[in-house]
N, C-alpha and C. Protein backbone atom coordinates (compact mmCIF):
# COMPACT_ATOMS: atom_id res chain seq x y z
N MET A 1 -17.44 1.47 19.47
CA MET A 1 -17.06 2.07 18.17
C MET A 1 -15.91 1.43 17.77
N ALA A 2 -15.72 1.17 16.31
CA ALA A 2 -14.58 0.48 15.86
C ALA A 2 -14.05 1.33 14.78
N PHE A 3 -12.74 1.36 14.50
CA PHE A 3 -12.00 1.85 13.35
C PHE A 3 -10.84 0.93 13.10
N PHE A 4 -10.26 1.09 11.82
CA PHE A 4 -9.19 -0.01 11.30
C PHE A 4 -8.18 0.80 10.73
N PRO A 5 -7.16 1.19 11.59
CA PRO A 5 -5.98 1.97 11.09
C PRO A 5 -5.05 1.08 10.39
N ASP A 6 -4.42 1.53 9.42
CA ASP A 6 -3.32 0.91 8.76
C ASP A 6 -2.04 1.05 9.66
N ARG A 7 -1.31 -0.12 9.54
CA ARG A 7 -0.10 -0.13 10.43
C ARG A 7 0.90 0.88 10.16
N SER A 8 0.75 1.61 8.86
CA SER A 8 1.56 2.65 8.59
C SER A 8 1.00 3.99 8.88
N SER A 9 -0.11 4.01 9.49
CA SER A 9 -0.83 5.35 10.00
C SER A 9 0.06 6.23 10.86
N THR A 10 0.13 7.55 10.56
CA THR A 10 0.72 8.51 11.32
C THR A 10 0.04 8.73 12.55
N SER A 11 -1.23 8.73 12.42
CA SER A 11 -2.28 9.17 13.63
C SER A 11 -2.24 8.14 14.66
N TRP A 12 -2.39 6.76 14.10
CA TRP A 12 -2.69 5.70 15.12
C TRP A 12 -1.77 5.80 16.41
N PRO A 13 -0.37 5.86 16.17
CA PRO A 13 0.54 5.85 17.36
C PRO A 13 0.15 6.89 18.41
N ARG A 14 -0.38 8.11 18.03
CA ARG A 14 -0.71 9.15 18.87
C ARG A 14 -2.05 9.03 19.57
N ILE A 15 -3.17 8.42 18.79
CA ILE A 15 -4.33 7.95 19.48
C ILE A 15 -4.06 6.98 20.40
N GLU A 16 -3.11 5.93 20.08
CA GLU A 16 -2.86 4.73 20.94
C GLU A 16 -2.24 5.30 22.31
N ARG A 17 -1.40 6.26 22.22
CA ARG A 17 -0.54 6.95 23.41
C ARG A 17 -1.68 7.55 24.17
N ALA A 18 -2.64 8.30 23.55
CA ALA A 18 -3.64 9.09 24.32
C ALA A 18 -4.58 8.25 25.14
N GLY A 19 -4.87 7.15 24.43
CA GLY A 19 -5.90 6.11 25.11
C GLY A 19 -7.33 6.64 24.93
N LYS A 20 -7.34 7.53 23.94
CA LYS A 20 -8.97 7.87 23.70
C LYS A 20 -9.00 8.50 22.38
N PHE A 21 -10.15 8.66 21.62
CA PHE A 21 -10.32 9.20 20.31
C PHE A 21 -11.81 9.80 20.21
N CYS A 22 -11.98 10.60 19.30
CA CYS A 22 -13.39 11.25 19.18
C CYS A 22 -13.54 11.04 17.70
N VAL A 23 -14.67 10.36 17.33
CA VAL A 23 -15.08 10.30 15.78
C VAL A 23 -15.98 11.69 15.58
N ASN A 24 -15.54 12.35 14.60
CA ASN A 24 -16.33 13.58 14.20
C ASN A 24 -16.92 13.26 13.00
N VAL A 25 -18.36 13.13 12.82
CA VAL A 25 -19.06 12.77 11.65
C VAL A 25 -19.16 14.07 10.92
N LEU A 26 -18.51 14.11 9.80
CA LEU A 26 -18.55 15.24 8.88
C LEU A 26 -19.75 15.37 8.10
N ALA A 27 -20.22 16.66 7.74
CA ALA A 27 -21.31 16.83 6.91
C ALA A 27 -20.92 16.76 5.37
N SER A 28 -21.95 16.40 4.44
CA SER A 28 -21.76 16.24 3.14
C SER A 28 -20.88 17.14 2.34
N PRO A 29 -20.72 18.59 2.73
CA PRO A 29 -19.93 19.44 2.12
C PRO A 29 -18.53 19.50 2.69
N GLN A 30 -18.19 18.66 3.64
CA GLN A 30 -16.73 18.63 4.08
C GLN A 30 -15.91 17.57 3.78
N GLN A 31 -15.97 17.50 2.32
CA GLN A 31 -15.06 16.39 1.81
C GLN A 31 -13.73 16.76 1.94
N ASN A 32 -13.27 18.15 1.97
CA ASN A 32 -11.87 18.52 1.89
C ASN A 32 -11.30 18.19 3.43
N LEU A 33 -12.30 18.27 4.43
CA LEU A 33 -11.86 17.93 5.70
C LEU A 33 -11.44 16.27 5.82
N CYS A 34 -12.25 15.51 5.06
CA CYS A 34 -12.19 14.05 4.82
C CYS A 34 -10.73 13.78 4.39
N ARG A 35 -10.47 14.50 3.12
CA ARG A 35 -9.13 14.25 2.57
C ARG A 35 -8.05 14.57 3.50
N ARG A 36 -8.34 15.68 4.25
CA ARG A 36 -7.22 16.22 5.02
C ARG A 36 -6.80 15.23 6.15
N PHE A 37 -7.86 14.55 6.73
CA PHE A 37 -7.59 13.85 7.84
C PHE A 37 -7.27 12.27 7.45
N SER A 38 -7.42 12.12 6.13
CA SER A 38 -6.94 10.77 5.58
C SER A 38 -5.57 10.73 5.18
N ALA A 39 -4.98 11.96 4.87
CA ALA A 39 -3.61 12.18 4.39
C ALA A 39 -2.59 12.09 5.63
N LYS A 40 -1.42 11.46 5.07
CA LYS A 40 -0.37 11.60 6.03
C LYS A 40 0.33 12.77 6.12
N VAL A 41 -0.19 13.68 6.89
CA VAL A 41 0.50 15.18 7.13
C VAL A 41 0.65 15.29 8.66
N GLY A 42 1.42 16.42 9.00
CA GLY A 42 1.77 16.56 10.36
C GLY A 42 0.50 16.73 11.11
N ASP A 43 0.19 18.26 11.55
CA ASP A 43 -0.85 18.63 12.50
C ASP A 43 -2.14 18.78 11.70
N LYS A 44 -2.94 17.62 11.82
CA LYS A 44 -4.33 17.83 10.98
C LYS A 44 -5.13 18.74 11.39
N PHE A 45 -5.07 19.16 12.59
CA PHE A 45 -6.00 20.09 13.15
C PHE A 45 -5.41 21.70 13.09
N ALA A 46 -4.30 21.81 12.57
CA ALA A 46 -3.78 23.12 12.37
C ALA A 46 -4.82 24.19 11.45
N GLY A 47 -4.95 25.12 12.08
CA GLY A 47 -6.01 26.13 11.44
C GLY A 47 -7.37 25.86 11.33
N LEU A 48 -7.77 24.83 12.19
CA LEU A 48 -9.25 24.35 12.15
C LEU A 48 -9.74 24.87 13.45
N GLU A 49 -11.13 25.07 13.47
CA GLU A 49 -11.94 25.65 14.72
C GLU A 49 -12.40 24.36 15.34
N TYR A 50 -12.08 24.06 16.62
CA TYR A 50 -12.64 23.00 17.27
C TYR A 50 -12.61 23.33 18.83
N ARG A 51 -13.15 22.33 19.52
CA ARG A 51 -13.29 22.63 21.11
C ARG A 51 -12.89 21.12 21.54
N LEU A 52 -12.62 21.20 22.90
CA LEU A 52 -12.44 19.92 23.58
C LEU A 52 -13.52 19.14 24.07
N SER A 53 -13.62 17.83 23.89
CA SER A 53 -14.75 17.15 24.67
C SER A 53 -14.54 17.02 26.15
N ASN A 54 -15.43 16.75 26.95
CA ASN A 54 -15.19 16.52 28.39
C ASN A 54 -14.05 15.42 28.70
N ASN A 55 -13.80 14.63 27.65
CA ASN A 55 -12.67 13.55 27.70
C ASN A 55 -11.44 14.10 27.30
N GLY A 56 -11.33 15.38 26.75
CA GLY A 56 -10.23 15.87 26.21
C GLY A 56 -9.83 15.82 24.72
N SER A 57 -10.83 15.34 24.04
CA SER A 57 -10.49 14.99 22.66
C SER A 57 -11.12 16.05 21.70
N PRO A 58 -10.46 16.43 20.57
CA PRO A 58 -10.95 17.58 19.67
C PRO A 58 -12.24 17.04 18.89
N VAL A 59 -13.04 18.09 19.22
CA VAL A 59 -14.48 17.97 18.47
C VAL A 59 -14.58 19.23 17.48
N LEU A 60 -14.66 18.91 16.29
CA LEU A 60 -14.46 19.93 15.08
C LEU A 60 -15.88 20.75 15.14
N ASP A 61 -15.85 22.16 14.66
CA ASP A 61 -16.90 22.93 14.48
C ASP A 61 -17.75 22.44 13.30
N ASP A 62 -18.85 22.78 13.30
CA ASP A 62 -19.95 22.35 12.12
C ASP A 62 -19.88 21.04 11.53
N ILE A 63 -19.66 20.16 12.46
CA ILE A 63 -19.88 18.67 12.14
C ILE A 63 -21.32 18.08 12.50
N VAL A 64 -21.72 17.07 11.89
CA VAL A 64 -23.10 16.55 12.10
C VAL A 64 -23.19 15.85 13.54
N ALA A 65 -22.12 15.13 14.07
CA ALA A 65 -22.20 14.65 15.26
C ALA A 65 -20.82 14.18 15.74
N TRP A 66 -20.78 13.77 16.79
CA TRP A 66 -19.48 13.28 17.51
C TRP A 66 -19.73 12.37 18.30
N ILE A 67 -18.59 11.29 18.52
CA ILE A 67 -18.68 10.26 19.38
C ILE A 67 -17.47 10.07 20.14
N ASP A 68 -17.32 10.39 21.26
CA ASP A 68 -16.21 10.45 22.07
C ASP A 68 -15.82 9.11 22.71
N CYS A 69 -14.81 8.60 22.55
CA CYS A 69 -14.40 7.15 23.07
C CYS A 69 -13.35 7.12 23.90
N ALA A 70 -13.25 6.00 24.74
CA ALA A 70 -12.04 5.56 25.52
C ALA A 70 -11.54 4.44 24.71
N LEU A 71 -10.20 4.36 24.56
CA LEU A 71 -9.61 3.06 23.70
C LEU A 71 -9.88 1.79 24.77
N ASP A 72 -10.45 0.79 24.10
CA ASP A 72 -10.61 -0.39 24.97
C ASP A 72 -10.03 -1.55 24.53
N VAL A 73 -9.97 -2.08 23.21
CA VAL A 73 -9.26 -3.20 22.85
C VAL A 73 -8.61 -2.84 21.35
N VAL A 74 -7.42 -3.52 21.34
CA VAL A 74 -6.81 -3.44 19.86
C VAL A 74 -6.40 -4.90 19.58
N HIS A 75 -6.75 -5.17 18.49
CA HIS A 75 -6.47 -6.51 17.83
C HIS A 75 -5.37 -6.43 16.56
N GLU A 76 -4.41 -7.05 16.27
CA GLU A 76 -3.78 -7.12 15.04
C GLU A 76 -4.66 -7.87 14.02
N ALA A 77 -4.48 -7.12 12.86
CA ALA A 77 -5.34 -7.86 11.63
C ALA A 77 -4.46 -7.65 10.47
N GLY A 78 -3.61 -8.47 10.15
CA GLY A 78 -2.66 -8.28 9.03
C GLY A 78 -2.06 -7.03 9.03
N ASP A 79 -2.27 -6.18 7.86
CA ASP A 79 -1.51 -4.81 7.76
C ASP A 79 -2.37 -3.74 8.47
N HIS A 80 -3.39 -4.12 9.38
CA HIS A 80 -4.14 -3.08 9.94
C HIS A 80 -4.20 -3.55 11.37
N PHE A 81 -4.78 -2.60 12.29
CA PHE A 81 -5.45 -3.03 13.46
C PHE A 81 -6.84 -3.08 13.59
N ILE A 82 -7.55 -3.71 14.40
CA ILE A 82 -9.13 -3.52 14.74
C ILE A 82 -9.07 -2.71 16.09
N VAL A 83 -9.56 -1.77 16.11
CA VAL A 83 -9.59 -0.80 17.25
C VAL A 83 -10.93 -0.51 17.66
N LEU A 84 -11.20 -0.96 19.06
CA LEU A 84 -12.61 -0.92 19.53
C LEU A 84 -12.48 0.19 20.75
N GLY A 85 -13.45 1.06 20.70
CA GLY A 85 -13.62 2.11 21.65
C GLY A 85 -14.86 2.06 22.32
N ARG A 86 -14.77 2.32 23.77
CA ARG A 86 -15.91 2.43 24.51
C ARG A 86 -16.38 3.80 24.61
N VAL A 87 -17.87 4.01 24.12
CA VAL A 87 -18.57 5.27 24.01
C VAL A 87 -18.52 5.93 25.39
N ILE A 88 -17.99 7.11 25.56
CA ILE A 88 -18.04 7.99 26.72
C ILE A 88 -19.28 8.89 26.63
N GLU A 89 -19.28 9.61 25.37
CA GLU A 89 -20.32 10.55 25.23
C GLU A 89 -20.53 10.76 23.83
N LEU A 90 -21.73 11.26 23.38
CA LEU A 90 -21.89 11.61 22.02
C LEU A 90 -23.01 12.63 22.00
N ASP A 91 -23.04 13.29 20.71
CA ASP A 91 -24.23 14.19 20.60
C ASP A 91 -24.18 14.41 19.02
N ILE A 92 -25.54 14.92 18.89
CA ILE A 92 -25.87 15.37 17.41
C ILE A 92 -25.78 16.74 17.31
N ALA A 93 -24.77 17.27 16.61
CA ALA A 93 -24.53 18.70 16.82
C ALA A 93 -25.25 19.46 15.54
N ARG A 94 -25.54 19.04 14.56
CA ARG A 94 -26.27 19.68 13.26
C ARG A 94 -27.00 18.60 12.63
N ALA A 95 -28.23 18.48 13.08
CA ALA A 95 -29.29 17.58 12.63
C ALA A 95 -29.79 18.05 11.27
N ASP A 96 -29.55 19.33 11.03
CA ASP A 96 -29.91 19.85 9.58
C ASP A 96 -29.09 19.41 8.49
N GLN A 97 -27.88 18.92 8.85
CA GLN A 97 -26.94 18.49 7.77
C GLN A 97 -26.71 17.00 7.41
N ALA A 98 -26.86 16.53 6.23
CA ALA A 98 -26.61 15.22 5.97
C ALA A 98 -25.19 14.78 6.18
N PRO A 99 -24.98 13.64 6.80
CA PRO A 99 -23.57 13.15 6.97
C PRO A 99 -22.87 12.82 5.79
N LEU A 100 -21.64 13.03 5.56
CA LEU A 100 -20.80 12.78 4.47
C LEU A 100 -20.63 11.13 4.41
N ARG A 101 -20.89 10.43 3.27
CA ARG A 101 -20.68 9.12 2.94
C ARG A 101 -19.48 8.84 2.31
N VAL A 102 -18.49 8.12 2.90
CA VAL A 102 -17.28 7.78 2.19
C VAL A 102 -17.29 6.32 1.53
N MET A 103 -17.04 6.26 0.31
CA MET A 103 -17.14 5.07 -0.49
C MET A 103 -15.55 4.90 -0.99
N PRO A 104 -15.37 3.49 -1.24
CA PRO A 104 -14.04 3.19 -1.87
C PRO A 104 -13.99 3.88 -3.23
N VAL A 105 -12.67 4.38 -3.46
CA VAL A 105 -12.54 5.03 -4.83
C VAL A 105 -12.51 4.16 -5.84
N ASP A 106 -11.83 3.08 -5.80
CA ASP A 106 -11.53 2.14 -6.86
C ASP A 106 -12.20 0.89 -6.62
N VAL A 107 -13.59 0.75 -7.22
CA VAL A 107 -14.44 -0.49 -6.94
C VAL A 107 -14.67 -0.88 -8.47
N ARG A 108 -14.47 -2.10 -8.31
CA ARG A 108 -14.62 -3.07 -9.70
C ARG A 108 -15.52 -4.28 -9.57
N PRO A 109 -16.35 -4.60 -10.53
CA PRO A 109 -17.06 -5.82 -10.25
C PRO A 109 -16.06 -6.92 -10.51
N ILE A 110 -16.34 -8.17 -9.98
CA ILE A 110 -15.59 -9.52 -10.19
C ILE A 110 -16.11 -9.76 -11.46
N PRO A 111 -15.17 -10.27 -12.30
CA PRO A 111 -15.46 -11.02 -13.69
C PRO A 111 -16.33 -12.18 -13.35
N ARG A 112 -17.35 -12.20 -14.33
CA ARG A 112 -18.12 -13.32 -14.25
C ARG A 112 -17.38 -14.70 -14.45
N ILE A 113 -17.67 -15.48 -13.74
CA ILE A 113 -17.16 -16.82 -13.90
C ILE A 113 -17.99 -17.68 -14.90
N ARG A 114 -17.43 -18.18 -15.88
CA ARG A 114 -18.07 -18.98 -16.97
C ARG A 114 -17.88 -20.36 -16.57
N ARG A 115 -19.09 -21.20 -16.63
CA ARG A 115 -19.16 -22.40 -16.27
C ARG A 115 -18.68 -23.21 -17.35
N ARG A 116 -17.79 -24.08 -17.33
CA ARG A 116 -17.29 -24.96 -18.58
C ARG A 116 -17.50 -26.47 -18.22
N GLY A 117 -18.29 -27.28 -18.78
CA GLY A 117 -18.54 -28.75 -18.51
C GLY A 117 -19.41 -28.82 -17.16
N ARG A 118 -19.46 -29.97 -16.97
CA ARG A 118 -20.41 -30.23 -15.76
C ARG A 118 -19.57 -30.52 -14.59
N CYS A 119 -20.19 -29.84 -13.65
CA CYS A 119 -19.40 -29.66 -12.25
C CYS A 119 -20.28 -30.57 -11.26
N SER A 120 -19.64 -31.77 -10.61
CA SER A 120 -20.51 -32.23 -9.66
C SER A 120 -19.59 -32.57 -8.41
N PRO A 121 -20.19 -32.35 -7.17
CA PRO A 121 -19.34 -32.49 -6.09
C PRO A 121 -18.93 -33.96 -5.65
N THR A 122 -17.61 -34.04 -5.30
CA THR A 122 -17.06 -35.44 -4.97
C THR A 122 -16.55 -35.33 -3.52
N LEU A 123 -16.50 -36.61 -2.83
CA LEU A 123 -15.87 -36.56 -1.67
C LEU A 123 -14.30 -36.96 -1.75
N SER A 124 -13.56 -36.10 -1.28
CA SER A 124 -12.15 -36.45 -1.43
C SER A 124 -11.63 -37.44 -0.20
N HIS A 125 -12.38 -37.18 0.89
CA HIS A 125 -12.14 -37.78 2.12
C HIS A 125 -13.31 -38.35 2.86
N ARG A 126 -13.54 -39.90 2.95
CA ARG A 126 -14.38 -40.29 3.72
C ARG A 126 -14.43 -40.63 5.15
N ALA A 127 -15.30 -40.27 6.06
CA ALA A 127 -14.92 -40.46 7.43
C ALA A 127 -15.15 -42.06 7.81
N ASN A 128 -14.63 -42.64 8.74
CA ASN A 128 -14.66 -44.00 9.16
C ASN A 128 -15.87 -44.08 9.96
C-alpha cells in the first residue's frame, strides 16, 4: 500500500513514529470525514467512533473497507515522501456502500500548442 504525505503534514511524523497505519476506505456520503482527515488539525479522531485493529491502528465505524499496514519503506520525493506499507490485514466492512472517490479540486486542461511553421528533427550531436 502506498501514500504520499507532504513534508509539512502534521500526521506523518506520528505515523512514522508508530511504524504502522490503517487505510480507512470511506463511503460516498463521508465527504466530511475526508475533509476532516485532510485538514491540519489536532486530534482527527476526537469524537469519532472507531475500534483498534489487531495491529493497534484505528478502524473507523461505517467505512467500506480497511487495510492495516506496517510501515515498510520511505523514500524522499521533493516536497513529499513516498511511503510503502506492507499489508498485515484487510477487510471489506460494508460491501453495500460505494467507496468515496477523491479527485483533485483544481483541474485544468493544458493549453493547445499551435504548430507554427515546419518542424523537423535534427541531430545536434553525432556519435563517432
